[in-house]
Amino acid sequence: MNYVVKLFAAISISCLTLALPALAIEDTPENRAAQADYYLRVVPAQSLLNDMSEKMAATLPESQRPIFITLMTKNLDMNAVTNLMRAAMIKNFSADKAVAMTQEQMKATQEPTKTK
């Protein structure tokens, strides 16, 4: 009986392992573009830039922080930044990787803030 259970488990695991690649998105330029667009809707470039600017400003003397944040966020062509990010994502990330990054960002925004 124990042998039958082990055999059934081995067959089940083998079937699942073989089926997993079928769940992947085909890595085509169109799918990469669609996933990059979706990522940028979930995580807008402006939001990323604001977060980055605030974190970088925290390393500066307090009197210089507002000027730095203004320079980093107010004087940029966000359409150009977004287009550059989109092009870089399409070139460098597979469709599956873009899906994984989007899911990770969505999960991170849903988790409560952890305090240390």
Protein backbone atom coordinates (compact mmCIF):
# COMPACT_ATOMS: atom_id res chain seq x y z
CA MET A 1 0.00 0.00 0.00
CA ASN A 2 2.81 2.41 0.90
CA TYR A 3 4.38 1.75 -2.52
CA VAL A 4 1.13 2.71 -4.28
CA VAL A 5 0.92 6.01 -2.40
CA LYS A 6 4.53 6.87 -3.24
CA LEU A 7 3.99 5.96 -6.89
CA PHE A 8 0.83 8.10 -7.06
CA ALA A 9 2.66 11.04 -5.46
CA ALA A 10 5.57 10.72 -7.90
CA ILE A 11 3.22 10.60 -10.91
CA SER A 12 1.23 13.60 -9.62
CA ILE A 13 4.35 15.68 -9.08
CA SER A 14 5.67 14.75 -12.53
CA CYS A 15 2.41 15.79 -14.18
CA LEU A 16 2.35 19.11 -12.33
CA THR A 17 5.97 19.81 -13.19
CA LEU A 18 5.34 19.17 -16.87
CA ALA A 19 2.21 21.36 -16.86
CA LEU A 20 3.80 24.43 -15.25
CA PRO A 21 5.60 25.72 -18.38
CA ALA A 22 2.23 25.72 -20.15
CA LEU A 23 1.05 28.37 -17.69
CA ALA A 24 3.82 30.75 -18.77
CA ILE A 25 3.11 33.68 -21.06
CA GLU A 26 4.67 33.40 -24.50
CA ASP A 27 7.66 35.73 -24.62
CA THR A 28 6.83 37.86 -27.66
CA PRO A 29 7.46 41.58 -28.18
CA GLU A 30 3.69 42.15 -28.04
CA ASN A 31 3.36 40.34 -24.70
CA ARG A 32 6.38 42.15 -23.30
CA ALA A 33 4.85 45.48 -24.34
CA ALA A 34 1.47 44.59 -22.86
CA GLN A 35 3.04 43.53 -19.55
CA ALA A 36 5.26 46.62 -19.42
CA ASP A 37 2.18 48.80 -19.98
CA TYR A 38 0.32 46.98 -17.22
CA TYR A 39 3.27 47.37 -14.83
CA LEU A 40 3.42 51.11 -15.51
CA ARG A 41 -0.33 51.40 -14.82
CA VAL A 42 0.10 49.58 -11.50
CA VAL A 43 3.32 51.41 -10.60
CA PRO A 44 3.37 54.81 -12.33
CA ALA A 45 6.77 56.30 -13.15
CA GLN A 46 5.86 59.45 -11.21
CA SER A 47 5.28 57.36 -8.09
CA LEU A 48 8.63 55.59 -8.47
CA LEU A 49 10.42 58.89 -9.04
CA ASN A 50 8.78 60.51 -6.01
CA ASP A 51 9.75 57.59 -3.76
CA MET A 52 13.30 57.56 -5.07
CA SER A 53 13.65 61.33 -4.65
CA GLU A 54 12.42 61.23 -1.06
CA LYS A 55 14.80 58.41 -0.16
CA MET A 56 17.76 60.14 -1.79
CA ALA A 57 16.83 63.45 -0.16
CA ALA A 58 16.95 61.78 3.25
CA THR A 59 20.71 61.47 2.81
CA LEU A 60 21.13 65.24 2.35
CA PRO A 61 21.20 67.96 5.01
CA GLU A 62 17.65 68.92 5.94
CA SER A 63 17.98 72.42 4.50
CA GLN A 64 18.78 71.02 1.03
CA ARG A 65 16.03 68.38 0.86
CA PRO A 66 13.14 70.51 -0.49
CA ILE A 67 15.30 71.94 -3.28
CA PHE A 68 16.52 68.48 -4.26
CA ILE A 69 12.99 67.03 -4.31
CA THR A 70 11.77 69.95 -6.43
CA LEU A 71 14.61 69.49 -8.92
CA MET A 72 14.00 65.76 -9.16
CA THR A 73 10.24 65.85 -9.50
CA LYS A 74 9.09 69.13 -11.00
CA ASN A 75 11.41 69.67 -13.95
CA LEU A 76 11.13 66.31 -15.69
CA ASP A 77 9.19 65.30 -18.77
CA MET A 78 7.31 62.38 -17.22
CA ASN A 79 6.09 61.19 -20.62
CA ALA A 80 9.70 60.83 -21.72
CA VAL A 81 10.66 59.06 -18.48
CA THR A 82 7.70 56.68 -18.80
CA ASN A 83 8.53 55.93 -22.44
CA LEU A 84 12.17 55.23 -21.54
CA MET A 85 11.11 52.92 -18.71
CA ARG A 86 8.68 51.10 -21.01
CA ALA A 87 11.33 50.62 -23.71
CA ALA A 88 13.88 49.37 -21.16
CA MET A 89 11.37 46.91 -19.69
CA ILE A 90 10.44 45.54 -23.11
CA LYS A 91 14.10 45.11 -24.03
CA ASN A 92 15.34 43.61 -20.76
CA PHE A 93 12.50 41.65 -19.14
CA SER A 94 10.61 38.65 -20.42
CA ALA A 95 6.81 38.78 -20.31
CA ASP A 96 6.83 36.39 -17.34
CA LYS A 97 9.36 38.53 -15.46
CA ALA A 98 7.21 41.64 -16.00
CA VAL A 99 4.17 39.74 -14.67
CA ALA A 100 6.18 38.66 -11.61
CA MET A 101 7.39 42.22 -10.97
CA THR A 102 3.84 43.57 -11.24
CA GLN A 103 2.50 40.93 -8.87
CA GLU A 104 5.30 41.66 -6.40
CA GLN A 105 4.52 45.39 -6.45
CA MET A 106 0.81 44.73 -6.01
CA LYS A 107 1.53 42.40 -3.09
CA ALA A 108 3.89 44.94 -1.50
CA THR A 109 1.27 47.69 -1.62
CA GLN A 110 -1.34 45.44 -0.02
CA GLU A 111 0.83 44.33 2.90
CA PRO A 112 0.61 46.38 6.08
CA THR A 113 3.67 48.44 6.89
CA LYS A 114 6.10 46.47 9.02
CA THR A 115 7.63 48.25 11.97
CA LYS A 116 11.02 47.36 13.35
